[in-house]
Amino acid sequence: MTWIDLVILVVKCIVLSLAATTIFAYFTLFERRTLARLQNRVGPNRAGPGGFLQPLADAVKLFFKEDVTPLLADRWVYLVSPAFALIPAIIIWATIPVGMWPDGEGDNWLQLAEINVGVLYLLAVTSVGVYGIAIAGWASNNKYSMLGGIRASAQVISYELALGLTVLGAVMQAQSFSTAEIVERQTQMWNIVPQFLGFVVFIIAATAEVVRAPFDLVEAEQELVGGYNTEYSSMKFALFFMSEYVKLVAMNAIAVTLFLGGWHFPGLQTLTQAVTQQYGAAVGNAVLGLTSLGAFLLKVLLLSFVSVWIRATLPRVRYDQLMNLGWKVLLPLALINVAITAVLNVLLPDAPVLTAIIGLVAGIMILAVAAIVGRPGKEKRTVKLVEISA
């Protein structure tokens, strides 16, 4: 690697980090405005035109808030835990191809690192983020914070299994652990068709993985005051807040990469070929890069809207319901999806269209059966009066 390659790599890392944090800032505004529309409210509209500067106002407010450290906290662990939560959320993006802009040497300008085990890297990094929450709850020397950290650990372990198995289904479909190769295999048909069951399970498990509503039991204010971040203020609290949103967008980006064709979009290749023939390869590559990046971000925005919609619609579940869903529903569904994918790949290796149709129909039927069987019945509640003798 020459010093020019090293400089390019450093610039890519800086741009990626700044882009991730900027996405976080304006995703909060997007969420607040969307929630306001869904709940018949106005939403933020004071800071800047249409509330456009509200993220900046929030950042200034948090930066100048008083920074308090509990007297009996484990100081160094307490201080470093926000970084443990934020850094994994940012470095998730390293192996995700957010577009395709060829550099003329076989590499992609819009992917920081292409490694042949990119999916394993994603699984490893997403599971590390819970350490920040767990040690934050322990280091605060607060019982409510500790309960939030324990809940986070149990929740992530429970849903990591289903999440990993759904990712395995996509890997089996593409027969590769490389994220770029998985996206390339979806040129003709996106994985959401043969892996519809896996996609639904992935979205639910990813929502629980980033502790978003209705699975935000690690910070249930009715039970834990504020959860793991009760004792955090100022910018340390902002880092936890940032990690949640950056990881949410990153999980949506992973879903787009694995199931929704990544940067592929109908008509994209035709447009690129026409521009290349008319204006040359350099302009064609630039058009491909910009349009593929736009297509990728559009898909991520769609999934992000679904995440906000779920938050506005569903109430927080009980902890026993959370565990039952993870272990008794999502895990068996993910195992069934892996089994179906394996059988179809062995029996019909040269019929991708037929395999996709069978996988889609089987996924819809299994989800329908699971919804009917798992429907909660009416609980019979009785009250027994106890007489107390004088």
Protein backbone atom coordinates (compact mmCIF):
# COMPACT_ATOMS: atom_id res chain seq x y z
CA MET A 1 0.00 0.00 0.00
CA THR A 2 1.46 3.36 -1.07
CA TRP A 3 1.10 6.56 0.92
CA ILE A 4 -1.52 7.77 -1.59
CA ASP A 5 -3.64 4.68 -0.90
CA LEU A 6 -3.21 5.29 2.82
CA VAL A 7 -4.37 8.92 2.47
CA ILE A 8 -7.38 7.82 0.42
CA LEU A 9 -8.27 5.23 3.09
CA VAL A 10 -8.03 7.82 5.89
CA VAL A 11 -10.20 10.25 3.92
CA LYS A 12 -12.77 7.50 3.34
CA CYS A 13 -12.85 6.73 7.07
CA ILE A 14 -13.35 10.40 7.97
CA VAL A 15 -16.10 10.86 5.38
CA LEU A 16 -17.85 7.68 6.53
CA SER A 17 -17.74 8.74 10.20
CA LEU A 18 -19.01 12.24 9.43
CA ALA A 19 -21.76 10.84 7.20
CA ALA A 20 -22.90 8.40 9.91
CA THR A 21 -23.09 11.13 12.56
CA THR A 22 -24.87 13.52 10.18
CA ILE A 23 -27.40 10.83 9.31
CA PHE A 24 -28.02 10.42 13.04
CA ALA A 25 -28.65 14.13 13.51
CA TYR A 26 -31.21 14.43 10.77
CA PHE A 27 -32.78 11.04 11.39
CA THR A 28 -33.87 12.41 14.77
CA LEU A 29 -35.56 15.32 12.98
CA PHE A 30 -37.12 12.91 10.46
CA GLU A 31 -38.42 10.75 13.30
CA ARG A 32 -39.86 13.64 15.28
CA ARG A 33 -41.61 15.13 12.26
CA THR A 34 -42.97 11.72 11.20
CA LEU A 35 -44.20 10.93 14.71
CA ALA A 36 -45.88 14.33 14.81
CA ARG A 37 -47.73 13.62 11.56
CA LEU A 38 -48.78 10.15 12.70
CA GLN A 39 -49.98 11.47 16.08
CA ASN A 40 -51.68 14.62 14.79
CA ARG A 41 -49.14 17.03 16.29
CA VAL A 42 -47.03 19.85 14.88
CA GLY A 43 -43.53 18.65 15.74
CA PRO A 44 -40.35 20.75 15.89
CA ASN A 45 -40.77 23.92 13.80
CA ARG A 46 -38.99 26.69 15.74
CA ALA A 47 -35.26 26.22 15.08
CA GLY A 48 -34.66 27.26 11.50
CA PRO A 49 -37.07 27.04 8.55
CA GLY A 50 -39.42 24.14 9.17
CA GLY A 51 -37.34 23.04 12.16
CA PHE A 52 -34.36 22.22 9.93
CA LEU A 53 -31.84 23.41 12.53
CA GLN A 54 -33.41 21.47 15.42
CA PRO A 55 -30.60 18.84 15.48
CA LEU A 56 -28.05 21.65 15.82
CA ALA A 57 -30.06 23.19 18.66
CA ASP A 58 -30.22 19.81 20.42
CA ALA A 59 -26.45 19.37 20.05
CA VAL A 60 -25.72 22.81 21.52
CA LYS A 61 -28.10 22.16 24.41
CA LEU A 62 -26.51 18.81 25.27
CA PHE A 63 -22.99 20.19 24.91
CA PHE A 64 -23.59 22.95 27.45
CA LYS A 65 -25.51 20.85 29.98
CA GLU A 66 -23.88 20.16 33.31
CA ASP A 67 -21.74 17.03 33.22
CA VAL A 68 -22.25 15.09 36.46
CA THR A 69 -20.35 11.96 37.47
CA PRO A 70 -21.77 9.91 40.37
CA LEU A 71 -19.50 9.91 43.39
CA LEU A 72 -19.49 6.12 43.83
CA ALA A 73 -19.32 5.22 40.14
CA ASP A 74 -16.41 3.25 38.68
CA ARG A 75 -15.03 6.40 37.06
CA TRP A 76 -12.95 5.09 34.15
CA VAL A 77 -15.42 2.41 33.11
CA TYR A 78 -18.23 4.94 33.51
CA LEU A 79 -16.45 7.38 31.19
CA VAL A 80 -15.43 4.90 28.49
CA SER A 81 -18.76 3.03 28.16
CA PRO A 82 -20.38 5.61 25.80
CA ALA A 83 -17.48 5.05 23.39
CA PHE A 84 -18.01 1.27 23.64
CA ALA A 85 -21.59 1.85 22.50
CA LEU A 86 -20.90 4.38 19.71
CA ILE A 87 -17.76 3.05 18.00
CA PRO A 88 -19.26 -0.34 16.95
CA ALA A 89 -22.30 1.48 15.58
CA ILE A 90 -20.05 3.54 13.28
CA ILE A 91 -17.63 0.83 12.14
CA ILE A 92 -20.54 -1.39 11.05
CA TRP A 93 -20.56 0.68 7.87
CA ALA A 94 -17.04 -0.38 6.86
CA THR A 95 -18.07 -3.42 4.79
CA ILE A 96 -21.47 -2.23 3.55
CA PRO A 97 -21.43 -1.27 -0.17
CA VAL A 98 -23.61 1.86 -0.18
CA GLY A 99 -23.29 2.15 -3.95
CA MET A 100 -21.13 1.19 -6.93
CA TRP A 101 -18.61 3.73 -8.21
CA PRO A 102 -15.79 1.81 -9.97
CA ASP A 103 -12.35 3.34 -9.56
CA GLY A 104 -10.98 1.69 -12.71
CA GLU A 105 -8.81 -0.77 -10.76
CA GLY A 106 -11.46 -3.24 -9.67
CA ASP A 107 -12.35 -1.47 -6.41
CA ASN A 108 -15.42 0.47 -5.34
CA TRP A 109 -15.19 4.05 -4.09
CA LEU A 110 -18.45 3.61 -2.15
CA GLN A 111 -17.29 0.67 -0.03
CA LEU A 112 -14.62 1.23 2.57
CA ALA A 113 -13.41 -2.38 2.87
CA GLU A 114 -14.32 -5.42 0.80
CA ILE A 115 -13.42 -8.61 2.66
CA ASN A 116 -14.52 -12.12 1.84
CA VAL A 117 -16.01 -12.58 5.33
CA GLY A 118 -17.86 -9.27 5.47
CA VAL A 119 -21.04 -10.86 6.85
CA LEU A 120 -19.12 -12.38 9.77
CA TYR A 121 -17.63 -8.95 10.45
CA LEU A 122 -21.13 -7.43 10.56
CA LEU A 123 -22.40 -10.07 12.99
CA ALA A 124 -19.37 -9.63 15.23
CA VAL A 125 -19.59 -5.83 15.37
CA THR A 126 -23.34 -5.70 15.93
CA SER A 127 -23.02 -8.02 18.93
CA VAL A 128 -20.23 -5.95 20.51
CA GLY A 129 -22.37 -2.83 20.96
CA VAL A 130 -24.24 -4.31 23.92
CA TYR A 131 -21.05 -4.19 26.00
CA GLY A 132 -21.35 -0.41 26.17
CA ILE A 133 -24.85 -0.65 27.59
CA ALA A 134 -23.99 -3.46 30.01
CA ILE A 135 -20.90 -1.84 31.50
CA ALA A 136 -22.67 1.55 31.63
CA GLY A 137 -25.33 0.02 33.85
CA TRP A 138 -22.73 -1.67 36.05
CA ALA A 139 -20.34 1.29 36.33
CA SER A 140 -23.07 3.75 37.36
CA ASN A 141 -23.45 2.05 40.76
CA ASN A 142 -27.21 2.40 40.42
CA LYS A 143 -29.63 -0.49 40.80
CA TYR A 144 -31.98 0.76 38.08
CA SER A 145 -29.08 1.24 35.67
CA MET A 146 -27.78 -2.23 36.51
CA LEU A 147 -31.17 -3.77 35.76
CA GLY A 148 -31.18 -1.96 32.41
CA GLY A 149 -27.73 -3.36 31.58
CA ILE A 150 -28.78 -6.90 32.52
CA ARG A 151 -31.93 -6.60 30.45
CA ALA A 152 -29.87 -5.42 27.48
CA SER A 153 -27.53 -8.40 27.72
CA ALA A 154 -30.37 -10.93 27.94
CA GLN A 155 -32.29 -9.25 25.12
CA VAL A 156 -29.37 -9.08 22.69
CA ILE A 157 -28.34 -12.69 23.37
CA SER A 158 -31.92 -13.86 22.79
CA TYR A 159 -32.36 -12.04 19.49
CA GLU A 160 -28.81 -12.53 18.17
CA LEU A 161 -29.65 -16.18 17.51
CA ALA A 162 -32.64 -15.43 15.28
CA LEU A 163 -30.78 -12.55 13.63
CA GLY A 164 -27.76 -14.72 12.83
CA LEU A 165 -29.89 -17.50 11.38
CA THR A 166 -31.75 -15.12 9.07
CA VAL A 167 -28.42 -13.75 7.87
CA LEU A 168 -27.32 -17.37 7.30
CA GLY A 169 -30.33 -17.84 5.02
CA ALA A 170 -29.22 -14.89 2.87
CA VAL A 171 -25.65 -16.23 2.83
CA MET A 172 -26.88 -19.64 1.69
CA GLN A 173 -28.95 -18.00 -1.02
CA ALA A 174 -25.94 -16.10 -2.38
CA GLN A 175 -23.38 -18.81 -1.45
CA SER A 176 -20.94 -16.18 -0.25
CA PHE A 177 -19.95 -14.30 2.93
CA SER A 178 -18.88 -11.24 0.95
CA THR A 179 -21.34 -8.35 1.15
CA ALA A 180 -20.35 -7.13 -2.33
CA GLU A 181 -20.89 -10.63 -3.75
CA ILE A 182 -24.29 -10.93 -2.02
CA VAL A 183 -25.38 -7.64 -3.60
CA GLU A 184 -24.05 -8.74 -7.00
CA ARG A 185 -26.04 -12.00 -6.83
CA GLN A 186 -29.24 -9.93 -6.49
CA THR A 187 -28.90 -8.33 -9.94
CA GLN A 188 -31.80 -10.34 -11.40
CA MET A 189 -33.88 -10.98 -8.27
CA TRP A 190 -33.69 -9.51 -4.77
CA ASN A 191 -33.36 -11.91 -1.87
CA ILE A 192 -36.59 -10.69 -0.30
CA VAL A 193 -38.49 -12.96 -2.71
CA PRO A 194 -36.96 -16.36 -1.79
CA GLN A 195 -36.07 -15.16 1.73
CA PHE A 196 -39.32 -13.39 2.63
CA LEU A 197 -39.62 -15.29 5.90
CA GLY A 198 -36.02 -14.47 6.77
CA PHE A 199 -36.56 -10.79 5.94
CA VAL A 200 -39.54 -10.46 8.30
CA VAL A 201 -37.70 -12.23 11.11
CA PHE A 202 -34.61 -10.08 10.48
CA ILE A 203 -36.58 -6.82 10.76
CA ILE A 204 -38.18 -7.88 14.06
CA ALA A 205 -34.91 -9.19 15.51
CA ALA A 206 -33.00 -6.08 14.37
CA THR A 207 -35.57 -3.85 16.09
CA ALA A 208 -34.97 -5.74 19.33
CA GLU A 209 -31.20 -5.72 18.71
CA VAL A 210 -31.08 -1.91 18.72
CA VAL A 211 -33.49 -1.80 21.72
CA ARG A 212 -36.08 0.24 19.85
CA ALA A 213 -39.78 0.42 20.65
CA PRO A 214 -41.67 -1.81 21.25
CA PHE A 215 -38.60 -3.65 22.59
CA ASP A 216 -37.02 -0.74 24.51
CA LEU A 217 -37.29 -2.44 27.89
CA VAL A 218 -33.71 -1.57 28.80
CA GLU A 219 -34.81 2.04 29.29
CA ALA A 220 -38.42 1.57 30.40
CA GLU A 221 -39.02 4.75 32.37
CA GLN A 222 -42.05 3.32 34.19
CA GLU A 223 -39.89 0.56 35.67
CA LEU A 224 -36.24 1.66 35.58
CA VAL A 225 -36.41 5.49 35.80
CA GLY A 226 -34.25 5.78 32.68
CA GLY A 227 -32.48 2.43 32.40
CA TYR A 228 -28.77 2.06 31.78
CA ASN A 229 -28.29 5.78 31.01
CA THR A 230 -30.01 7.12 34.14
CA GLU A 231 -26.77 8.51 35.58
CA TYR A 232 -25.47 9.96 32.32
CA SER A 233 -25.83 13.59 31.28
CA SER A 234 -24.51 16.11 28.77
CA MET A 235 -22.43 14.68 25.90
CA LYS A 236 -22.06 11.23 27.49
CA PHE A 237 -25.83 10.83 27.26
CA ALA A 238 -25.70 12.23 23.71
CA LEU A 239 -23.22 9.50 22.71
CA PHE A 240 -25.61 6.78 23.88
CA PHE A 241 -28.43 8.54 22.06
CA MET A 242 -26.27 8.75 18.94
CA SER A 243 -25.26 5.08 19.08
CA GLU A 244 -28.90 3.96 19.13
CA TYR A 245 -29.83 5.90 15.99
CA VAL A 246 -26.62 5.21 14.07
CA LYS A 247 -27.01 1.48 14.75
CA LEU A 248 -30.67 1.59 13.75
CA VAL A 249 -29.82 3.11 10.36
CA ALA A 250 -26.90 0.64 10.02
CA MET A 251 -29.20 -2.34 10.66
CA ASN A 252 -31.58 -1.01 8.00
CA ALA A 253 -28.58 -0.73 5.66
CA ILE A 254 -27.67 -4.36 6.40
CA ALA A 255 -31.27 -5.40 5.62
CA VAL A 256 -31.07 -3.53 2.31
CA THR A 257 -27.74 -5.21 1.51
CA LEU A 258 -28.88 -8.74 2.33
CA PHE A 259 -32.51 -8.73 1.19
CA LEU A 260 -33.40 -5.66 -0.91
CA GLY A 261 -30.72 -5.84 -3.58
CA GLY A 262 -28.31 -3.36 -2.03
CA TRP A 263 -27.64 -0.53 -4.48
CA HIS A 264 -29.38 -2.28 -7.38
CA PHE A 265 -32.46 -0.60 -8.83
CA PRO A 266 -34.52 -1.28 -11.99
CA GLY A 267 -33.14 0.59 -14.99
CA LEU A 268 -29.86 1.53 -13.31
CA GLN A 269 -27.62 -0.55 -15.57
CA THR A 270 -29.46 0.61 -18.70
CA LEU A 271 -28.96 4.25 -17.73
CA THR A 272 -25.27 3.67 -17.01
CA GLN A 273 -24.66 1.93 -20.36
CA ALA A 274 -26.39 4.74 -22.25
CA VAL A 275 -24.38 7.46 -20.49
CA THR A 276 -21.12 5.50 -20.94
CA GLN A 277 -21.70 5.12 -24.69
CA GLN A 278 -22.51 8.80 -25.01
CA TYR A 279 -19.98 10.48 -22.70
CA GLY A 280 -17.33 7.89 -21.82
CA ALA A 281 -16.51 5.53 -18.97
CA ALA A 282 -15.58 8.20 -16.40
CA VAL A 283 -18.93 9.99 -16.67
CA GLY A 284 -20.75 6.66 -16.79
CA ASN A 285 -19.05 5.49 -13.60
CA ALA A 286 -19.92 8.79 -11.90
CA VAL A 287 -23.58 8.48 -12.92
CA LEU A 288 -23.63 4.86 -11.72
CA GLY A 289 -22.08 5.89 -8.40
CA LEU A 290 -24.47 8.74 -7.69
CA THR A 291 -27.63 6.94 -8.82
CA SER A 292 -26.73 3.72 -7.00
CA LEU A 293 -26.01 5.71 -3.83
CA GLY A 294 -29.37 7.43 -4.18
CA ALA A 295 -31.15 4.08 -4.68
CA PHE A 296 -29.45 2.60 -1.61
CA LEU A 297 -30.33 5.60 0.58
CA LEU A 298 -33.92 5.54 -0.68
CA LYS A 299 -34.32 1.92 0.44
CA VAL A 300 -32.74 2.71 3.82
CA LEU A 301 -35.10 5.67 4.20
CA LEU A 302 -38.08 3.40 3.49
CA LEU A 303 -37.04 0.91 6.18
CA SER A 304 -36.31 3.79 8.57
CA PHE A 305 -39.84 5.09 8.02
CA VAL A 306 -41.17 1.60 8.87
CA SER A 307 -39.12 1.69 12.11
CA VAL A 308 -40.64 5.05 13.07
CA TRP A 309 -44.09 3.81 12.10
CA ILE A 310 -43.69 0.79 14.39
CA ARG A 311 -42.60 3.05 17.25
CA ALA A 312 -45.67 5.24 16.79
CA THR A 313 -48.06 2.30 16.56
CA LEU A 314 -47.09 -0.46 18.98
CA PRO A 315 -46.91 -0.14 22.78
CA ARG A 316 -43.98 -1.50 24.77
CA VAL A 317 -44.22 -5.24 25.39
CA ARG A 318 -43.75 -6.95 28.73
CA TYR A 319 -40.44 -8.60 29.44
CA ASP A 320 -41.89 -12.12 29.41
CA GLN A 321 -43.50 -11.38 26.03
CA LEU A 322 -40.13 -10.17 24.76
CA MET A 323 -38.42 -13.42 25.77
CA ASN A 324 -41.25 -15.59 24.45
CA LEU A 325 -41.14 -13.87 21.08
CA GLY A 326 -37.38 -14.30 20.77
CA TRP A 327 -37.06 -17.91 21.93
CA LYS A 328 -40.45 -19.48 21.05
CA VAL A 329 -41.36 -17.67 17.84
CA LEU A 330 -38.46 -16.00 16.01
CA LEU A 331 -35.84 -18.68 16.67
CA PRO A 332 -38.02 -21.57 15.34
CA LEU A 333 -39.04 -19.45 12.33
CA ALA A 334 -35.40 -18.67 11.56
CA LEU A 335 -34.50 -22.38 11.81
CA ILE A 336 -37.37 -23.29 9.48
CA ASN A 337 -36.15 -20.65 7.01
CA VAL A 338 -32.64 -22.12 7.03
CA ALA A 339 -34.02 -25.63 6.51
CA ILE A 340 -36.23 -24.54 3.58
CA THR A 341 -33.33 -22.68 1.95
CA ALA A 342 -31.03 -25.68 2.29
CA VAL A 343 -33.58 -28.14 0.85
CA LEU A 344 -34.45 -25.89 -2.11
CA ASN A 345 -30.78 -25.22 -2.90
CA VAL A 346 -30.07 -28.96 -2.97
CA LEU A 347 -33.19 -30.09 -4.86
CA LEU A 348 -33.47 -27.19 -7.33
CA PRO A 349 -29.96 -25.77 -7.82
CA ASP A 350 -30.56 -24.73 -11.45
CA ALA A 351 -34.08 -23.27 -11.11
CA PRO A 352 -33.72 -19.94 -9.28
CA VAL A 353 -37.14 -18.60 -10.31
CA LEU A 354 -38.98 -21.72 -9.16
CA THR A 355 -36.93 -21.76 -5.95
CA ALA A 356 -37.82 -18.12 -5.28
CA ILE A 357 -41.55 -18.71 -5.84
CA ILE A 358 -41.60 -21.76 -3.55
CA GLY A 359 -39.62 -19.88 -0.90
CA LEU A 360 -41.98 -16.88 -1.07
CA VAL A 361 -45.16 -18.97 -0.85
CA ALA A 362 -43.74 -21.13 1.95
CA GLY A 363 -42.64 -18.02 3.88
CA ILE A 364 -46.07 -16.37 3.63
CA MET A 365 -47.84 -19.58 4.68
CA ILE A 366 -45.52 -20.13 7.65
CA LEU A 367 -45.98 -16.54 8.83
CA ALA A 368 -49.76 -16.88 8.52
CA VAL A 369 -49.77 -20.11 10.54
CA ALA A 370 -47.48 -18.56 13.17
CA ALA A 371 -49.77 -15.52 13.45
CA ILE A 372 -52.86 -17.70 13.90
CA VAL A 373 -51.28 -20.16 16.36
CA GLY A 374 -49.51 -17.46 18.36
CA ARG A 375 -52.53 -15.22 18.72
CA PRO A 376 -52.97 -14.50 22.43
CA GLY A 377 -56.24 -15.66 23.91
CA LYS A 378 -58.36 -13.82 26.42
CA GLU A 379 -57.07 -14.20 29.94
CA LYS A 380 -59.62 -15.25 32.49
CA ARG A 381 -59.11 -13.08 35.51
CA THR A 382 -60.84 -13.84 38.75
CA VAL A 383 -60.93 -11.91 41.97
CA LYS A 384 -61.09 -13.74 45.27
CA LEU A 385 -62.23 -11.81 48.26
CA VAL A 386 -60.41 -12.61 51.46
CA GLU A 387 -62.22 -12.08 54.70
CA ILE A 388 -60.09 -10.87 57.55
CA SER A 389 -61.41 -11.82 60.94
CA ALA A 390 -61.31 -9.15 63.59
